[in-house]
Protein backbone atom coordinates (compact mmCIF):
# COMPACT_ATOMS: atom_id res chain seq x y z
CA UNK A 1 -243.44 117.35 -149.90
CA UNK A 2 -245.98 115.02 -151.74
CA UNK A 3 -246.34 115.39 -155.27
CA UNK A 4 -250.15 114.66 -155.59
CA UNK A 5 -252.93 115.05 -153.39
CA UNK A 6 -256.24 113.24 -153.33
CA UNK A 7 -259.48 114.79 -153.94
CA UNK A 8 -261.75 116.16 -151.41
CA UNK A 9 -263.37 112.80 -151.38
CA UNK A 10 -261.53 109.63 -151.65
CA UNK A 11 -262.74 107.34 -154.53
CA UNK A 12 -265.14 105.12 -152.57
CA UNK A 13 -266.95 107.80 -150.63
CA UNK A 14 -267.21 109.87 -153.97
CA UNK A 15 -268.98 106.96 -155.50
CA UNK A 16 -271.27 106.45 -152.65
CA UNK A 17 -272.19 110.21 -152.32
CA UNK A 18 -272.80 110.22 -156.36
CA UNK A 19 -275.22 107.23 -156.24
CA UNK A 20 -277.29 108.58 -153.33
CA UNK A 21 -277.36 112.01 -154.82
CA UNK A 22 -278.46 110.43 -158.40
CA UNK A 23 -281.11 108.50 -156.41
CA UNK A 24 -282.47 111.44 -154.67
CA UNK A 25 -282.45 113.56 -157.83
CA UNK A 26 -284.19 110.95 -159.81
CA UNK A 27 -287.39 111.63 -157.72
CA UNK A 28 -286.79 115.27 -157.37
CA UNK A 29 -286.65 115.78 -161.02
CA UNK A 30 -289.53 113.47 -161.75
CA UNK A 31 -291.70 115.47 -159.25
CA UNK A 32 -290.61 118.87 -160.81
CA UNK A 33 -291.50 117.88 -164.23
CA UNK A 34 -294.96 116.42 -163.35
CA UNK A 35 -296.09 117.24 -159.76
CA UNK A 36 -299.64 116.11 -160.53
CA UNK A 37 -298.91 112.72 -161.73
CA UNK A 38 -301.11 109.71 -160.56
CA UNK A 39 -297.81 108.22 -159.52
CA UNK A 40 -297.11 110.90 -156.78
CA UNK A 41 -300.90 110.53 -155.50
CA UNK A 42 -300.50 106.91 -154.64
CA UNK A 43 -296.83 106.87 -153.78
CA UNK A 44 -297.32 106.54 -149.95
CA UNK A 45 -300.51 104.81 -150.20
CA UNK A 46 -298.95 101.56 -151.62
CA UNK A 47 -297.91 98.53 -149.42
CA UNK A 48 -294.57 98.78 -148.10
CA UNK A 49 -293.20 95.99 -149.96
CA UNK A 50 -294.07 97.80 -153.32
CA UNK A 51 -292.41 101.02 -151.80
CA UNK A 52 -289.22 98.92 -151.07
CA UNK A 53 -289.31 97.17 -154.41
CA UNK A 54 -289.63 100.58 -156.35
CA UNK A 55 -286.94 102.35 -154.35
CA UNK A 56 -284.60 99.37 -154.70
CA UNK A 57 -285.11 99.30 -158.58
CA UNK A 58 -284.56 102.94 -158.68
CA UNK A 59 -281.37 102.82 -156.68
CA UNK A 60 -280.04 99.96 -158.71
CA UNK A 61 -280.75 101.82 -161.92
CA UNK A 62 -279.01 105.14 -160.34
CA UNK A 63 -276.11 102.95 -159.14
CA UNK A 64 -275.55 101.36 -162.77
CA UNK A 65 -275.81 105.00 -164.35
CA UNK A 66 -273.50 106.53 -161.74
CA UNK A 67 -270.90 103.65 -161.96
CA UNK A 68 -271.10 103.72 -165.83
CA UNK A 69 -270.58 107.52 -166.02
CA UNK A 70 -267.65 107.32 -163.57
CA UNK A 71 -265.95 104.55 -165.57
CA UNK A 72 -266.40 106.39 -168.85
CA UNK A 73 -264.99 109.54 -167.43
CA UNK A 74 -261.88 107.76 -165.90
CA UNK A 75 -261.24 105.90 -169.12
CA UNK A 76 -261.41 109.29 -171.15
CA UNK A 77 -259.28 110.94 -168.61
CA UNK A 78 -256.32 108.67 -169.57
CA UNK A 79 -257.08 108.81 -173.30
CA UNK A 80 -258.56 112.33 -173.83
CA UNK A 81 -258.03 114.69 -170.95
CA UNK A 82 -260.14 117.79 -170.41
CA UNK A 83 -256.86 119.86 -170.63
CA UNK A 84 -256.11 118.77 -174.23
CA UNK A 85 -259.47 118.87 -176.48
CA UNK A 86 -262.35 120.02 -174.04
CA UNK A 87 -264.93 120.39 -176.77
CA UNK A 88 -264.12 117.03 -178.31
CA UNK A 89 -264.00 115.49 -174.78
CA UNK A 90 -267.32 116.83 -173.73
CA UNK A 91 -269.18 115.66 -176.98
CA UNK A 92 -267.47 112.34 -176.65
CA UNK A 93 -268.22 111.79 -172.99
CA UNK A 94 -271.83 113.08 -173.47
CA UNK A 95 -272.56 110.61 -176.40
CA UNK A 96 -271.12 107.68 -174.34
CA UNK A 97 -273.27 108.38 -171.45
CA UNK A 98 -276.38 108.95 -173.51
CA UNK A 99 -275.69 105.67 -175.40
CA UNK A 100 -275.35 103.88 -171.89
CA UNK A 101 -278.71 105.26 -170.71
CA UNK A 102 -280.51 104.31 -173.59
CA UNK A 103 -278.92 100.88 -173.78
CA UNK A 104 -279.98 100.40 -170.10
CA UNK A 105 -283.54 101.37 -170.76
CA UNK A 106 -283.53 99.10 -173.74
CA UNK A 107 -282.40 96.15 -171.60
CA UNK A 108 -284.99 96.87 -168.72
CA UNK A 109 -287.78 97.26 -171.38
CA UNK A 110 -286.69 93.95 -172.96
CA UNK A 111 -286.78 92.23 -169.47
CA UNK A 112 -290.29 93.63 -168.67
CA UNK A 113 -291.73 92.65 -172.15
CA UNK A 114 -290.20 89.21 -171.76
CA UNK A 115 -292.34 88.71 -168.54
CA UNK A 116 -295.58 89.41 -170.32
CA UNK A 117 -297.41 86.93 -172.39
CA UNK A 118 -298.40 89.45 -175.08
CA UNK A 119 -296.38 90.29 -178.11
CA UNK A 120 -294.47 93.60 -178.30
CA UNK A 121 -297.03 95.14 -180.91
CA UNK A 122 -299.96 94.31 -178.66
CA UNK A 123 -298.30 95.86 -175.59
CA UNK A 124 -297.29 98.81 -177.58
CA UNK A 125 -300.84 99.24 -178.97
CA UNK A 126 -302.34 99.06 -175.51
CA UNK A 127 -299.94 101.29 -173.83
CA UNK A 128 -301.83 104.42 -172.30
CA UNK A 129 -300.91 108.04 -172.78
CA UNK A 130 -299.76 108.25 -169.08
CA UNK A 131 -297.54 105.09 -169.53
CA UNK A 132 -295.78 106.52 -172.78
CA UNK A 133 -295.26 109.83 -171.25
CA UNK A 134 -293.78 108.13 -168.09
CA UNK A 135 -291.54 106.30 -170.12
CA UNK A 136 -290.30 109.55 -171.85
CA UNK A 137 -289.95 111.14 -168.60
CA UNK A 138 -287.77 108.35 -167.07
CA UNK A 139 -285.56 108.38 -170.08
CA UNK A 140 -285.36 112.25 -169.78
CA UNK A 141 -284.61 112.09 -166.31
CA UNK A 142 -282.05 109.24 -166.70
CA UNK A 143 -280.06 111.43 -169.18
CA UNK A 144 -280.23 114.57 -167.02
CA UNK A 145 -278.65 112.45 -164.16
CA UNK A 146 -276.11 111.08 -166.44
CA UNK A 147 -275.35 114.84 -167.49
CA UNK A 148 -275.18 115.97 -163.82
CA UNK A 149 -272.77 113.11 -162.95
CA UNK A 150 -270.56 114.07 -165.91
CA UNK A 151 -270.54 117.78 -164.27
CA UNK A 152 -269.58 116.31 -160.95
CA UNK A 153 -266.75 114.01 -162.38
CA UNK A 154 -265.56 116.88 -164.61
CA UNK A 155 -265.54 119.22 -161.65
CA UNK A 156 -263.56 116.86 -159.41
CA UNK A 157 -261.03 116.08 -162.12
CA UNK A 158 -260.38 119.82 -162.78
CA UNK A 159 -259.97 120.68 -158.98
CA UNK A 160 -257.84 117.65 -158.52
CA UNK A 161 -255.48 118.65 -161.11
CA UNK A 162 -255.64 122.36 -160.29
CA UNK A 163 -254.52 121.25 -156.65
CA UNK A 164 -251.87 118.95 -157.97
CA UNK A 165 -250.55 121.68 -160.26
CA UNK A 166 -250.41 124.29 -157.53
CA UNK A 167 -248.70 121.77 -155.43
CA UNK A 168 -246.15 120.93 -157.96
CA UNK A 169 -245.43 124.39 -158.64
CA UNK A 170 -245.13 125.34 -154.90
CA UNK A 171 -242.65 122.47 -154.52
CA UNK A 172 -240.71 123.56 -157.54
CA UNK A 173 -240.82 127.20 -156.11
CA UNK A 174 -239.42 126.00 -152.85
CA UNK A 175 -236.74 123.93 -154.47
CA UNK A 176 -235.63 126.90 -156.55
CA UNK A 177 -235.76 129.23 -153.52
CA UNK A 178 -233.84 126.77 -151.48
CA UNK A 179 -231.19 126.60 -154.25
CA UNK A 180 -230.77 130.15 -154.57
CA UNK A 181 -230.59 130.89 -150.82
CA UNK A 182 -227.84 128.35 -150.63
CA UNK A 183 -226.02 130.00 -153.47
CA UNK A 184 -226.22 133.40 -152.00
CA UNK A 185 -224.97 132.37 -148.67
CA UNK A 186 -221.86 130.65 -150.24
CA UNK A 187 -221.25 133.96 -151.94
CA UNK A 188 -220.14 135.23 -148.63
CA UNK A 189 -217.14 132.88 -147.96
CA UNK A 190 -214.85 134.32 -150.49
CA UNK A 191 -216.21 137.80 -149.48
CA UNK A 192 -215.17 137.40 -145.94
CA UNK A 193 -211.72 135.66 -146.34
CA UNK A 194 -210.72 137.90 -149.25
CA UNK A 195 -210.71 141.02 -147.00
CA UNK A 196 -208.98 139.60 -144.02
CA UNK A 197 -206.19 137.29 -145.09
CA UNK A 198 -204.23 140.02 -146.60
CA UNK A 199 -204.47 142.04 -143.59
CA UNK A 200 -203.44 139.03 -141.65
CA UNK A 201 -200.33 138.45 -143.54
CA UNK A 202 -199.46 142.31 -142.96
CA UNK A 203 -199.81 141.94 -139.11
CA UNK A 204 -197.84 138.82 -138.88
CA UNK A 205 -194.80 140.63 -140.33
CA UNK A 206 -195.33 143.62 -138.21
CA UNK A 207 -196.22 142.10 -134.83
CA UNK A 208 -196.29 138.16 -134.35
CA UNK A 209 -198.38 138.35 -131.23
CA UNK A 210 -200.96 140.73 -132.66
CA UNK A 211 -200.99 138.69 -135.89
CA UNK A 212 -201.59 135.61 -133.42
CA UNK A 213 -204.47 137.33 -131.90
CA UNK A 214 -205.85 138.33 -135.05
CA UNK A 215 -205.73 134.82 -136.43
CA UNK A 216 -207.47 133.57 -133.38
CA UNK A 217 -210.29 135.91 -133.95
CA UNK A 218 -210.37 135.19 -137.42
CA UNK A 219 -210.44 131.51 -136.90
CA UNK A 220 -213.49 132.05 -134.34
CA UNK A 221 -215.25 134.13 -136.92
CA UNK A 222 -214.77 131.64 -139.70
CA UNK A 223 -215.78 128.68 -137.39
CA UNK A 224 -219.09 130.88 -136.69
CA UNK A 225 -219.42 131.11 -140.38
CA UNK A 226 -219.06 127.36 -141.22
CA UNK A 227 -221.48 126.48 -138.30
CA UNK A 228 -224.17 129.01 -139.36
CA UNK A 229 -223.79 128.80 -143.24
CA UNK A 230 -226.49 126.34 -143.49
CA UNK A 231 -229.00 128.02 -141.53
CA UNK A 232 -231.33 130.55 -143.11
CA UNK A 233 -231.91 132.64 -139.90
CA UNK A 234 -229.87 133.38 -136.93
CA UNK A 235 -231.00 135.48 -133.71
CA UNK A 236 -230.09 139.02 -133.35
CA UNK A 237 -228.30 138.15 -130.05
CA UNK A 238 -225.87 135.52 -131.80
CA UNK A 239 -225.39 138.11 -134.70
CA UNK A 240 -224.32 140.80 -132.05
CA UNK A 241 -221.94 138.12 -130.41
CA UNK A 242 -220.45 137.51 -133.77
CA UNK A 243 -220.04 141.28 -134.50
CA UNK A 244 -218.07 141.68 -131.38
CA UNK A 245 -215.39 139.32 -132.62
CA UNK A 246 -215.50 141.04 -136.12
CA UNK A 247 -215.10 144.31 -134.27
CA UNK A 248 -211.71 143.06 -133.08
CA UNK A 249 -210.51 142.61 -136.57
CA UNK A 250 -211.90 146.05 -137.46
CA UNK A 251 -210.23 147.57 -134.52
CA UNK A 252 -206.81 146.33 -135.62
CA UNK A 253 -207.10 147.15 -139.13
CA UNK A 254 -208.36 150.69 -138.58
CA UNK A 255 -207.25 151.55 -135.19
CA UNK A 256 -209.29 154.69 -134.02
CA UNK A 257 -210.61 155.53 -137.34
CA UNK A 258 -213.82 153.70 -136.89
CA UNK A 259 -216.18 153.93 -133.85
CA UNK A 260 -219.21 151.73 -132.97
CA UNK A 261 -222.45 152.74 -131.03
CA UNK A 262 -224.74 149.71 -130.38
CA UNK A 263 -228.19 150.08 -128.54
CA UNK A 264 -230.42 147.27 -129.15
CA UNK A 265 -233.69 146.63 -127.16
CA UNK A 266 -233.56 143.54 -124.84
CA UNK A 267 -236.77 142.35 -126.39
CA UNK A 268 -235.27 142.27 -129.98
CA UNK A 269 -232.51 139.88 -129.23
CA UNK A 270 -234.79 136.94 -129.92
CA UNK A 271 -235.79 137.98 -133.19
CA UNK A 272 -234.08 136.71 -136.32
CA UNK A 273 -232.20 137.80 -139.40
CA UNK A 274 -230.11 136.37 -142.08
CA UNK A 275 -226.75 135.09 -140.74
CA UNK A 276 -223.76 137.69 -141.39
CA UNK A 277 -226.06 140.45 -142.11
CA UNK A 278 -224.19 142.95 -139.80
CA UNK A 279 -220.95 141.90 -140.99
CA UNK A 280 -221.82 142.51 -144.59
CA UNK A 281 -223.26 145.98 -143.70
CA UNK A 282 -220.22 147.10 -141.57
CA UNK A 283 -217.98 146.18 -144.25
CA UNK A 284 -220.06 147.90 -146.93
CA UNK A 285 -219.88 151.18 -144.60
CA UNK A 286 -216.10 150.93 -144.36
CA UNK A 287 -215.72 150.01 -148.08
CA UNK A 288 -217.57 153.25 -149.24
CA UNK A 289 -216.38 155.82 -146.65
CA UNK A 290 -213.37 157.68 -145.44
CA UNK A 291 -211.53 156.37 -142.45
CA UNK A 292 -209.22 158.61 -140.48
CA UNK A 293 -208.40 159.16 -136.95
CA UNK A 294 -209.15 162.73 -136.87
CA UNK A 295 -212.60 162.26 -138.44
CA UNK A 296 -213.58 158.67 -137.48
CA UNK A 297 -216.16 156.75 -139.31
CA UNK A 298 -219.11 156.31 -136.77
CA UNK A 299 -221.39 153.32 -137.39
CA UNK A 300 -224.44 152.96 -135.11
CA UNK A 301 -226.54 149.90 -134.68
CA UNK A 302 -229.78 150.20 -132.95
CA UNK A 303 -233.54 149.07 -133.00
CA UNK A 304 -236.82 150.87 -133.19
CA UNK A 305 -240.37 150.14 -131.96
CA UNK A 306 -241.04 148.47 -135.35
CA UNK A 307 -239.03 145.51 -134.60
CA UNK A 308 -236.51 146.63 -137.04
CA UNK A 309 -232.72 147.14 -136.85
CA UNK A 310 -230.88 150.15 -138.16
CA UNK A 311 -227.45 150.11 -139.19
CA UNK A 312 -226.49 153.88 -139.54
CA UNK A 313 -223.02 155.20 -140.67
CA UNK A 314 -221.73 158.66 -141.05
CA UNK A 315 -221.52 159.52 -144.95
CA UNK A 316 -217.84 160.25 -145.66
CA UNK A 317 -217.83 159.19 -149.24
CA UNK A 318 -214.24 158.42 -150.60
CA UNK A 319 -213.11 160.41 -153.56
CA UNK A 320 -213.22 157.25 -155.81
CA UNK A 321 -215.39 154.20 -155.24
CA UNK A 322 -213.47 150.79 -154.75
CA UNK A 323 -214.48 148.00 -156.83
CA UNK A 324 -217.24 145.87 -155.63
CA UNK A 325 -218.22 142.22 -155.98
CA UNK A 326 -221.92 143.10 -155.90
CA UNK A 327 -222.47 141.15 -152.86
CA UNK A 328 -223.16 143.56 -149.77
CA UNK A 329 -226.69 144.92 -149.49
CA UNK A 330 -227.80 143.21 -152.75
CA UNK A 331 -227.06 139.85 -151.05
CA UNK A 332 -228.87 140.89 -147.79
CA UNK A 333 -232.03 142.00 -150.04
CA UNK A 334 -232.09 138.78 -152.09
CA UNK A 335 -232.05 136.61 -148.96
CA UNK A 336 -234.69 138.51 -147.50
CA UNK A 337 -236.87 138.27 -150.62
CA UNK A 338 -236.52 134.46 -150.16
CA UNK A 339 -237.13 134.43 -146.34
CA UNK A 340 -239.71 137.05 -145.67
CA UNK A 341 -242.41 139.17 -147.29
CA UNK A 342 -240.58 142.23 -146.10
CA UNK A 343 -237.21 143.60 -147.46
CA UNK A 344 -234.51 145.99 -146.12
CA UNK A 345 -234.89 149.70 -146.65
CA UNK A 346 -232.39 152.24 -147.42
CA UNK A 347 -232.55 155.75 -146.42
CA UNK A 348 -229.71 158.25 -147.33
CA UNK A 349 -229.54 161.85 -146.13
CA UNK A 350 -226.68 164.43 -146.80
CA UNK A 351 -224.89 163.16 -143.62
CA UNK A 352 -225.94 159.49 -143.08
CA UNK A 353 -226.56 156.37 -144.74
CA UNK A 354 -229.18 154.02 -142.95
CA UNK A 355 -230.07 150.58 -143.75
CA UNK A 356 -233.30 149.46 -142.00
CA UNK A 357 -233.52 145.65 -141.51
CA UNK A 358 -236.81 143.95 -140.72
CA UNK A 359 -236.43 141.62 -137.91
CA UNK A 360 -238.00 138.30 -138.45
CA UNK A 361 -240.19 136.45 -135.68
CA UNK A 362 -240.13 132.78 -136.30
CA UNK A 363 -243.35 131.02 -135.72
């Protein structure tokens, strides 16, 4: 994932847009300030060369102001960012832009005065009220444009930094989620192995063929675990196939003390869930309930119309709870929190314990 993103407009397009906007804003503000000025009465009555000359000079002036404001803003972004001292930053940028505009006006005035044959005092004395007011308006409009460009640059800078901060936060969150998800998946390995190796050693001593079959199925299950340990989700169809092998182990561990009823809709088989969810839920049901042939523990696995998988077991609580590693349902819930906006629900009645697993539809 890219650590930073460009602004909505790249640098060149942004500068062109700002110059054009400043050029148009120069005329708009001038008209709003004094719409009845003689300048507007004869604006289109002039020769086209005068209009082109006037527009070119105005565009050049706006270009210098725009570029100067952008350079000032970029320099200050490195030395005094808005996020550190915004008040001081605003005051400094405003003063620098104001100084730039006044210096530019002085330079232009000096050029025009040098083109006249009369001294500065004579030119100032002969200046009409309209000319003086026009000069003041021009300086005022230039300052306004300068402040507008400051606002545009500031907004662009803040939006860009907000995007980059949000992007970095998303990337860090994704990294943390992936690390936590991998950690949760790795918890399953010792949980699975511990509960079956002890049974396998006993079966080998009692019946070598049965122990061999048990070891074969155990190896298939563990191979499945290794293959899918790096996956975040797996189809319900594959999970049910895995459960068939796991039921073989359960059948030989508990004989007729546990029965399964599976009724899953055909269309739900291609939906997804975290790997080994069924194995953890079945093991959780066995761990916390009595198992005997006279009153077998019934585990039902079925789907509903809300694209959910229900794992239901009869509630036959044992007298004393076994020590738990804290994985089971907690592990499944944590993985769902990382993978989906939905999470498993637990419904407990006087006779049953239900875990409702939302099935995930991959895009």
